[in-house]
Protein backbone atom coordinates (compact mmCIF):
# COMPACT_ATOMS: atom_id res chain seq x y z
CA UNK A 1 26.09 26.51 -3.73
CA UNK A 2 25.60 23.05 -5.19
CA UNK A 3 26.43 21.50 -1.81
CA UNK A 4 23.74 23.64 -0.11
CA UNK A 5 21.18 22.54 -2.71
CA UNK A 6 21.94 18.85 -2.15
CA UNK A 7 21.91 19.32 1.62
CA UNK A 8 18.52 21.06 1.43
CA UNK A 9 17.16 18.38 -0.91
CA UNK A 10 18.44 15.59 1.37
CA UNK A 11 16.87 17.15 4.51
CA UNK A 12 13.56 17.85 2.73
CA UNK A 13 13.43 14.33 1.26
CA UNK A 14 14.12 12.69 4.64
CA UNK A 15 11.53 14.91 6.37
CA UNK A 16 8.97 13.99 3.73
CA UNK A 17 9.68 10.25 4.09
CA UNK A 18 9.39 10.46 7.89
CA UNK A 19 6.14 12.42 7.67
CA UNK A 20 4.65 9.84 5.32
CA UNK A 21 5.85 6.93 7.46
CA UNK A 22 4.31 8.60 10.53
CA UNK A 23 0.99 9.08 8.72
CA UNK A 24 0.94 5.43 7.65
CA UNK A 25 1.71 4.27 11.19
CA UNK A 26 -1.10 6.43 12.61
CA UNK A 27 -3.51 4.88 10.09
CA UNK A 28 -2.34 1.38 11.04
CA UNK A 29 -2.73 2.16 14.75
CA UNK A 30 -6.29 3.35 14.11
CA UNK A 31 -7.12 0.21 12.09
CA UNK A 32 -5.82 -1.99 14.90
CA UNK A 33 -8.32 -0.35 17.27
CA UNK A 34 -11.32 -1.18 15.07
CA UNK A 35 -13.22 -4.47 14.93
CA UNK A 36 -16.27 -3.18 13.07
CA UNK A 37 -17.81 0.00 11.69
CA UNK A 38 -21.26 1.16 10.71
CA UNK A 39 -21.30 3.83 8.03
CA UNK A 40 -23.36 5.67 5.46
CA UNK A 41 -22.03 5.86 1.92
CA UNK A 42 -22.21 7.44 -1.50
CA UNK A 43 -21.13 5.25 -4.40
CA UNK A 44 -20.59 6.68 -7.87
CA UNK A 45 -20.22 4.41 -10.88
CA UNK A 46 -20.40 5.70 -14.46
CA UNK A 47 -22.27 8.87 -13.48
CA UNK A 48 -24.78 6.94 -11.34
CA UNK A 49 -24.80 7.77 -7.64
CA UNK A 50 -26.20 5.40 -5.04
CA UNK A 51 -26.49 5.85 -1.27
CA UNK A 52 -27.10 3.61 1.70
CA UNK A 53 -25.67 2.18 4.89
CA UNK A 54 -23.19 -0.60 5.61
CA UNK A 55 -21.88 -2.76 8.41
CA UNK A 56 -18.26 -3.87 8.06
CA UNK A 57 -16.82 -6.48 10.41
CA UNK A 58 -13.15 -7.30 10.14
CA UNK A 59 -12.37 -9.85 8.75
CA UNK A 60 -14.32 -10.29 5.54
CA UNK A 61 -17.90 -9.43 6.44
CA UNK A 62 -19.84 -6.60 4.85
CA UNK A 63 -23.51 -5.85 4.40
CA UNK A 64 -24.69 -2.80 2.49
CA UNK A 65 -28.31 -1.78 2.05
CA UNK A 66 -28.90 0.64 -0.81
CA UNK A 67 -31.61 3.28 -0.68
CA UNK A 68 -33.00 2.57 -4.13
CA UNK A 69 -36.13 1.28 -5.82
CA UNK A 70 -34.63 -2.18 -6.38
CA UNK A 71 -33.96 -2.65 -2.65
CA UNK A 72 -30.41 -3.73 -3.49
CA UNK A 73 -28.21 -5.33 -0.86
CA UNK A 74 -24.64 -6.54 -1.01
CA UNK A 75 -23.48 -9.17 1.43
CA UNK A 76 -19.93 -10.41 1.71
CA UNK A 77 -19.31 -13.28 4.09
CA UNK A 78 -15.78 -14.61 3.94
CA UNK A 79 -15.29 -15.80 0.34
CA UNK A 80 -18.77 -15.13 -1.07
CA UNK A 81 -20.17 -11.91 -2.46
CA UNK A 82 -23.87 -11.73 -3.29
CA UNK A 83 -25.90 -8.92 -4.77
CA UNK A 84 -29.57 -9.12 -3.92
CA UNK A 85 -32.32 -7.18 -5.67
CA UNK A 86 -35.28 -7.77 -3.37
CA UNK A 87 -37.73 -5.98 -5.68
CA UNK A 88 -37.14 -8.57 -8.42
CA UNK A 89 -36.28 -11.47 -6.10
CA UNK A 90 -32.88 -11.85 -7.83
CA UNK A 91 -29.61 -13.00 -6.28
CA UNK A 92 -26.24 -12.86 -8.02
CA UNK A 93 -23.22 -14.62 -6.51
CA UNK A 94 -19.53 -13.90 -7.12
CA UNK A 95 -16.28 -15.04 -5.51
CA UNK A 96 -14.71 -12.31 -3.37
CA UNK A 97 -11.25 -13.43 -4.51
CA UNK A 98 -11.86 -11.79 -7.90
CA UNK A 99 -12.82 -8.49 -6.27
CA UNK A 100 -10.62 -5.68 -4.96
CA UNK A 101 -12.72 -5.93 -1.77
CA UNK A 102 -10.40 -8.72 -0.65
CA UNK A 103 -7.73 -6.05 0.04
CA UNK A 104 -10.08 -3.81 2.02
CA UNK A 105 -12.20 -6.24 4.06
CA UNK A 106 -9.37 -8.12 5.72
CA UNK A 107 -7.64 -6.04 8.38
CA UNK A 108 -4.25 -7.68 7.72
CA UNK A 109 -4.58 -7.13 3.97
CA UNK A 110 -5.63 -3.52 4.51
CA UNK A 111 -2.66 -2.90 6.81
CA UNK A 112 -0.36 -4.47 4.22
CA UNK A 113 -1.92 -2.24 1.56
CA UNK A 114 -1.26 0.82 3.77
CA UNK A 115 2.38 -0.18 4.24
CA UNK A 116 2.98 -0.82 0.52
CA UNK A 117 1.06 2.14 -0.92
CA UNK A 118 2.24 5.46 -2.25
CA UNK A 119 0.92 8.24 -0.05
CA UNK A 120 -0.40 11.65 -1.04
CA UNK A 121 -1.57 14.30 1.39
CA UNK A 122 -4.38 16.65 0.34
CA UNK A 123 -7.84 17.09 1.90
CA UNK A 124 -7.58 13.42 2.89
CA UNK A 125 -4.72 10.98 3.06
CA UNK A 126 -4.74 9.11 -0.23
CA UNK A 127 -2.98 5.75 -0.50
CA UNK A 128 -2.48 4.30 -3.97
CA UNK A 129 -1.74 0.62 -4.37
CA UNK A 130 -1.19 -1.50 -7.49
CA UNK A 131 -2.25 -5.10 -6.97
CA UNK A 132 -0.65 -8.16 -8.55
CA UNK A 133 -2.79 -7.65 -11.68
CA UNK A 134 -1.73 -3.99 -11.99
CA UNK A 135 -5.19 -2.82 -10.91
CA UNK A 136 -5.11 0.41 -8.96
CA UNK A 137 -6.77 0.62 -5.56
CA UNK A 138 -6.94 4.00 -3.85
CA UNK A 139 -7.96 4.08 -0.20
CA UNK A 140 -8.76 7.38 1.50
CA UNK A 141 -8.36 8.21 5.18
CA UNK A 142 -9.33 11.33 7.12
CA UNK A 143 -6.43 13.51 8.20
CA UNK A 144 -7.91 14.50 11.56
CA UNK A 145 -8.66 11.05 13.01
CA UNK A 146 -7.21 8.53 10.50
CA UNK A 147 -10.60 6.88 9.93
CA UNK A 148 -11.19 5.28 6.57
CA UNK A 149 -13.07 7.72 4.32
CA UNK A 150 -13.58 5.65 1.17
CA UNK A 151 -11.95 3.98 -1.78
CA UNK A 152 -11.68 4.03 -5.55
CA UNK A 153 -11.55 0.74 -7.40
CA UNK A 154 -12.34 -0.78 -10.77
CA UNK A 155 -14.98 -3.49 -10.86
CA UNK A 156 -14.82 -6.64 -12.98
CA UNK A 157 -16.50 -4.74 -15.85
CA UNK A 158 -13.77 -2.05 -15.80
CA UNK A 159 -16.13 0.54 -14.25
CA UNK A 160 -14.49 3.07 -11.95
CA UNK A 161 -16.21 2.99 -8.55
CA UNK A 162 -15.82 5.91 -6.15
CA UNK A 163 -17.03 4.98 -2.70
CA UNK A 164 -17.07 7.63 0.03
CA UNK A 165 -18.19 6.85 3.54
CA UNK A 166 -18.99 8.54 6.81
CA UNK A 167 -18.50 6.41 9.91
CA UNK A 168 -21.47 6.50 12.28
CA UNK A 169 -20.31 3.98 14.91
CA UNK A 170 -17.32 1.77 15.67
CA UNK A 171 -16.93 -1.42 17.69
CA UNK A 172 -20.60 -2.11 18.37
CA UNK A 173 -22.35 -5.43 18.90
CA UNK A 174 -23.20 -6.93 15.50
CA UNK A 175 -25.37 -10.01 15.04
CA UNK A 176 -23.67 -12.62 12.80
CA UNK A 177 -27.08 -13.39 11.24
CA UNK A 178 -26.82 -10.01 9.51
CA UNK A 179 -24.23 -11.53 7.14
CA UNK A 180 -26.14 -14.70 6.38
CA UNK A 181 -26.17 -15.41 2.65
CA UNK A 182 -29.68 -16.28 1.40
CA UNK A 183 -30.08 -19.49 -0.54
CA UNK A 184 -30.01 -19.11 -4.30
CA UNK A 185 -33.20 -20.25 -6.04
């Protein structure tokens, strides 16, 4: 009886490992096909929900326009992250290296994160990764097509950020001027 239990456990464990490895490889294959995406998003931070649209170009370029009264934009261009509030003519600049975005915006870093993450299958495929500072990054992918569906990170102020996205287009022509960082006054 004990032998049957161990045999069942061994087969189930190996099947589960293979299933997870297959899921990760399918995600990686999908990421390798993508150079850029345009998507709409919902971002929730400390009970505040914001919406907008973004353009993400691998590697390390992101522009998000928020649908809010402050006309907020976020631009990441290689190693710089700026937050612009057009309504108040304010620009805040931060290094990307201190942000969890560095793991998501670089295709190679994202693929490495996929490989090294713990996987959980539910409505989406959830990959949990602990970075070198023990900060948790959770990246979500759709089960049906392996597209990225969002992420959960902690910002530099220890706020939990839940970011869900819906891809509208992939691999379109994107003007590099879109990611131009405005000069700081």
